Structures are given as C-alpha cells and as structure tokens.
C-alpha cells in the first residue's frame, strides 16, 4: 500500500501528488499503459485531491491503520507499505511508534 507520511498533511499531499500522481489514475489506466510517456500524460489529469483520495497522507495514523485493517479483512496476512517521499527515516520512526504497536 502507498502512504505519504509527513509532519504536515498539506505537505504530504503535495509530495504524493508530485512524486506519485499515478495513484490517482482510475481503473486499469494506472497499470495498463504501453509506454512511460503515456503514464506521464495521464498523470497530468490527476489532481492533488485525486491522489489524496487513494493515498493516506499526513501524520494521522488512523487512515493508514484503516487501510491495513481492510487488507486484513480481505484475508491478507502481510502488508507492505511504500512511503512516498524523501523522509524515510521520519516515516520509519512514525511507523514504529504509531503503526507497528497497533497491528
């Protein structure tokens, strides 16, 4: 699952939109394009709100834990979390403090 953790939700939303706009593509469009340039073109139609709808953004663990729970309810026993953005250490500290103790 994709997340974009940051101390500030607005910053996380901007980062996710800038670095991972394909998260906001609907249906097969996000997986089935023939060339990378087609993904770039499709991503131009994606808004920050589109990405934030698909990717939990910000410092609140609630939306991330809800998504993890949904995967568990669907029968998954492992969830891999992709932190979008440069603050990997900050995310890992957050995950240890807020996520790993909750699941």
C-alpha atoms as a PDB file:
ATOM      1  CA  UNK A   1       0.000   0.000   0.000  1.00  0.00           C
ATOM      2  CA  UNK A   2       1.147   3.544  -0.651  1.00  0.00           C
ATOM      3  CA  UNK A   3       1.275   6.228   2.035  1.00  0.00           C
ATOM      4  CA  UNK A   4       2.813   9.660   2.219  1.00  0.00           C
ATOM      5  CA  UNK A   5       3.788  10.495   5.768  1.00  0.00           C
ATOM      6  CA  UNK A   6       4.938  13.978   6.751  1.00  0.00           C
ATOM      7  CA  UNK A   7       4.544  16.150   9.846  1.00  0.00           C
ATOM      8  CA  UNK A   8       2.055  18.273   7.874  1.00  0.00           C
ATOM      9  CA  UNK A   9      -0.868  16.871   5.861  1.00  0.00           C
ATOM     10  CA  UNK A  10      -0.704  19.615   3.219  1.00  0.00           C
ATOM     11  CA  UNK A  11       2.990  18.897   2.663  1.00  0.00           C
ATOM     12  CA  UNK A  12       2.290  15.155   2.393  1.00  0.00           C
ATOM     13  CA  UNK A  13      -0.481  15.739  -0.151  1.00  0.00           C
ATOM     14  CA  UNK A  14       1.801  17.945  -2.289  1.00  0.00           C
ATOM     15  CA  UNK A  15       4.602  15.391  -2.110  1.00  0.00           C
ATOM     16  CA  UNK A  16       2.349  12.469  -3.042  1.00  0.00           C
ATOM     17  CA  UNK A  17       0.883  14.396  -5.974  1.00  0.00           C
ATOM     18  CA  UNK A  18       4.306  15.455  -7.212  1.00  0.00           C
ATOM     19  CA  UNK A  19       6.049  12.084  -6.844  1.00  0.00           C
ATOM     20  CA  UNK A  20       3.258   9.503  -7.257  1.00  0.00           C
ATOM     21  CA  UNK A  21       0.401  11.017  -9.301  1.00  0.00           C
ATOM     22  CA  UNK A  22      -0.342   7.676 -10.926  1.00  0.00           C
ATOM     23  CA  UNK A  23      -2.005   6.681  -7.610  1.00  0.00           C
ATOM     24  CA  UNK A  24      -4.890   8.911  -8.666  1.00  0.00           C
ATOM     25  CA  UNK A  25      -5.443   7.201 -12.006  1.00  0.00           C
ATOM     26  CA  UNK A  26      -8.701   5.275 -12.149  1.00  0.00           C
ATOM     27  CA  UNK A  27      -9.222   1.657 -13.157  1.00  0.00           C
ATOM     28  CA  UNK A  28      -6.771  -0.123 -15.428  1.00  0.00           C
ATOM     29  CA  UNK A  29      -5.381   3.208 -16.608  1.00  0.00           C
ATOM     30  CA  UNK A  30      -2.878   3.080 -13.739  1.00  0.00           C
ATOM     31  CA  UNK A  31      -1.495  -0.287 -14.831  1.00  0.00           C
ATOM     32  CA  UNK A  32      -2.115  -0.918 -18.498  1.00  0.00           C
ATOM     33  CA  UNK A  33      -0.457   1.858 -20.492  1.00  0.00           C
ATOM     34  CA  UNK A  34       2.119   0.788 -23.050  1.00  0.00           C
ATOM     35  CA  UNK A  35       4.814   3.423 -22.506  1.00  0.00           C
ATOM     36  CA  UNK A  36       6.041   5.553 -19.588  1.00  0.00           C
ATOM     37  CA  UNK A  37       5.218   8.718 -21.511  1.00  0.00           C
ATOM     38  CA  UNK A  38       1.562   7.641 -21.538  1.00  0.00           C
ATOM     39  CA  UNK A  39       1.593   7.467 -17.721  1.00  0.00           C
ATOM     40  CA  UNK A  40       3.067  10.966 -17.627  1.00  0.00           C
ATOM     41  CA  UNK A  41       0.347  12.236 -19.937  1.00  0.00           C
ATOM     42  CA  UNK A  42      -2.429  10.555 -17.960  1.00  0.00           C
ATOM     43  CA  UNK A  43      -0.998  11.851 -14.657  1.00  0.00           C
ATOM     44  CA  UNK A  44      -1.387  15.431 -15.920  1.00  0.00           C
ATOM     45  CA  UNK A  45      -5.152  14.953 -15.450  1.00  0.00           C
ATOM     46  CA  UNK A  46      -4.761  13.892 -11.805  1.00  0.00           C
ATOM     47  CA  UNK A  47      -5.343  16.463  -9.074  1.00  0.00           C
ATOM     48  CA  UNK A  48      -3.857  16.555  -5.598  1.00  0.00           C
ATOM     49  CA  UNK A  49      -7.295  15.592  -4.259  1.00  0.00           C
ATOM     50  CA  UNK A  50      -7.373  12.528  -6.546  1.00  0.00           C
ATOM     51  CA  UNK A  51      -4.077  11.300  -5.115  1.00  0.00           C
ATOM     52  CA  UNK A  52      -5.054  12.059  -1.514  1.00  0.00           C
ATOM     53  CA  UNK A  53      -8.247  10.060  -2.038  1.00  0.00           C
ATOM     54  CA  UNK A  54      -6.162   6.987  -2.911  1.00  0.00           C
ATOM     55  CA  UNK A  55      -3.152   7.538  -0.626  1.00  0.00           C
ATOM     56  CA  UNK A  56      -3.290   8.223   3.121  1.00  0.00           C
ATOM     57  CA  UNK A  57      -1.361  11.480   3.579  1.00  0.00           C
ATOM     58  CA  UNK A  58      -0.050  13.177   6.689  1.00  0.00           C
ATOM     59  CA  UNK A  59       0.783  12.455  10.319  1.00  0.00           C
ATOM     60  CA  UNK A  60      -2.501  10.803  11.361  1.00  0.00           C
ATOM     61  CA  UNK A  61      -2.095   7.023  11.771  1.00  0.00           C
ATOM     62  CA  UNK A  62      -5.877   6.462  11.572  1.00  0.00           C
ATOM     63  CA  UNK A  63      -6.311   6.334   7.777  1.00  0.00           C
ATOM     64  CA  UNK A  64      -3.245   4.099   7.409  1.00  0.00           C
ATOM     65  CA  UNK A  65      -4.464   1.706  10.092  1.00  0.00           C
ATOM     66  CA  UNK A  66      -7.918   1.627   8.468  1.00  0.00           C
ATOM     67  CA  UNK A  67      -6.385   0.621   5.149  1.00  0.00           C
ATOM     68  CA  UNK A  68      -4.213  -2.042   6.822  1.00  0.00           C
ATOM     69  CA  UNK A  69      -7.332  -3.369   8.566  1.00  0.00           C
ATOM     70  CA  UNK A  70      -9.197  -3.521   5.241  1.00  0.00           C
ATOM     71  CA  UNK A  71      -6.408  -5.665   3.795  1.00  0.00           C
ATOM     72  CA  UNK A  72      -6.578  -7.914   6.868  1.00  0.00           C
ATOM     73  CA  UNK A  73     -10.353  -8.204   6.496  1.00  0.00           C
ATOM     74  CA  UNK A  74      -9.798  -9.263   2.887  1.00  0.00           C
ATOM     75  CA  UNK A  75      -7.564 -12.122   4.045  1.00  0.00           C
ATOM     76  CA  UNK A  76      -4.098 -10.669   3.590  1.00  0.00           C
ATOM     77  CA  UNK A  77      -1.566 -11.615   6.261  1.00  0.00           C
ATOM     78  CA  UNK A  78       1.210  -9.300   5.043  1.00  0.00           C
ATOM     79  CA  UNK A  79       1.025  -5.642   4.063  1.00  0.00           C
ATOM     80  CA  UNK A  80       3.949  -3.826   2.511  1.00  0.00           C
ATOM     81  CA  UNK A  81       3.937  -0.063   2.976  1.00  0.00           C
ATOM     82  CA  UNK A  82       5.539   2.209   0.400  1.00  0.00           C
ATOM     83  CA  UNK A  83       6.428   5.624   1.845  1.00  0.00           C
ATOM     84  CA  UNK A  84       6.186   8.189  -0.921  1.00  0.00           C
ATOM     85  CA  UNK A  85       8.661  10.965  -0.347  1.00  0.00           C
ATOM     86  CA  UNK A  86      12.147  11.642   0.885  1.00  0.00           C
ATOM     87  CA  UNK A  87      11.673  11.379   4.671  1.00  0.00           C
ATOM     88  CA  UNK A  88      12.117   7.635   5.006  1.00  0.00           C
ATOM     89  CA  UNK A  89      13.659   7.878   8.484  1.00  0.00           C
ATOM     90  CA  UNK A  90      10.798  10.047   9.729  1.00  0.00           C
ATOM     91  CA  UNK A  91       8.295   7.551   8.365  1.00  0.00           C
ATOM     92  CA  UNK A  92      10.092   4.592   9.935  1.00  0.00           C
ATOM     93  CA  UNK A  93      10.088   6.309  13.329  1.00  0.00           C
ATOM     94  CA  UNK A  94       6.379   7.094  12.898  1.00  0.00           C
ATOM     95  CA  UNK A  95       5.641   3.507  11.841  1.00  0.00           C
ATOM     96  CA  UNK A  96       7.474   2.056  14.839  1.00  0.00           C
ATOM     97  CA  UNK A  97       5.751   4.459  17.225  1.00  0.00           C
ATOM     98  CA  UNK A  98       2.217   4.529  15.759  1.00  0.00           C
ATOM     99  CA  UNK A  99       1.633   1.625  13.377  1.00  0.00           C
ATOM    100  CA  UNK A 100       3.535  -1.465  14.489  1.00  0.00           C
ATOM    101  CA  UNK A 101       2.203  -1.251  18.039  1.00  0.00           C
ATOM    102  CA  UNK A 102      -1.379  -1.000  16.738  1.00  0.00           C
ATOM    103  CA  UNK A 103      -1.486  -4.019  14.408  1.00  0.00           C
END
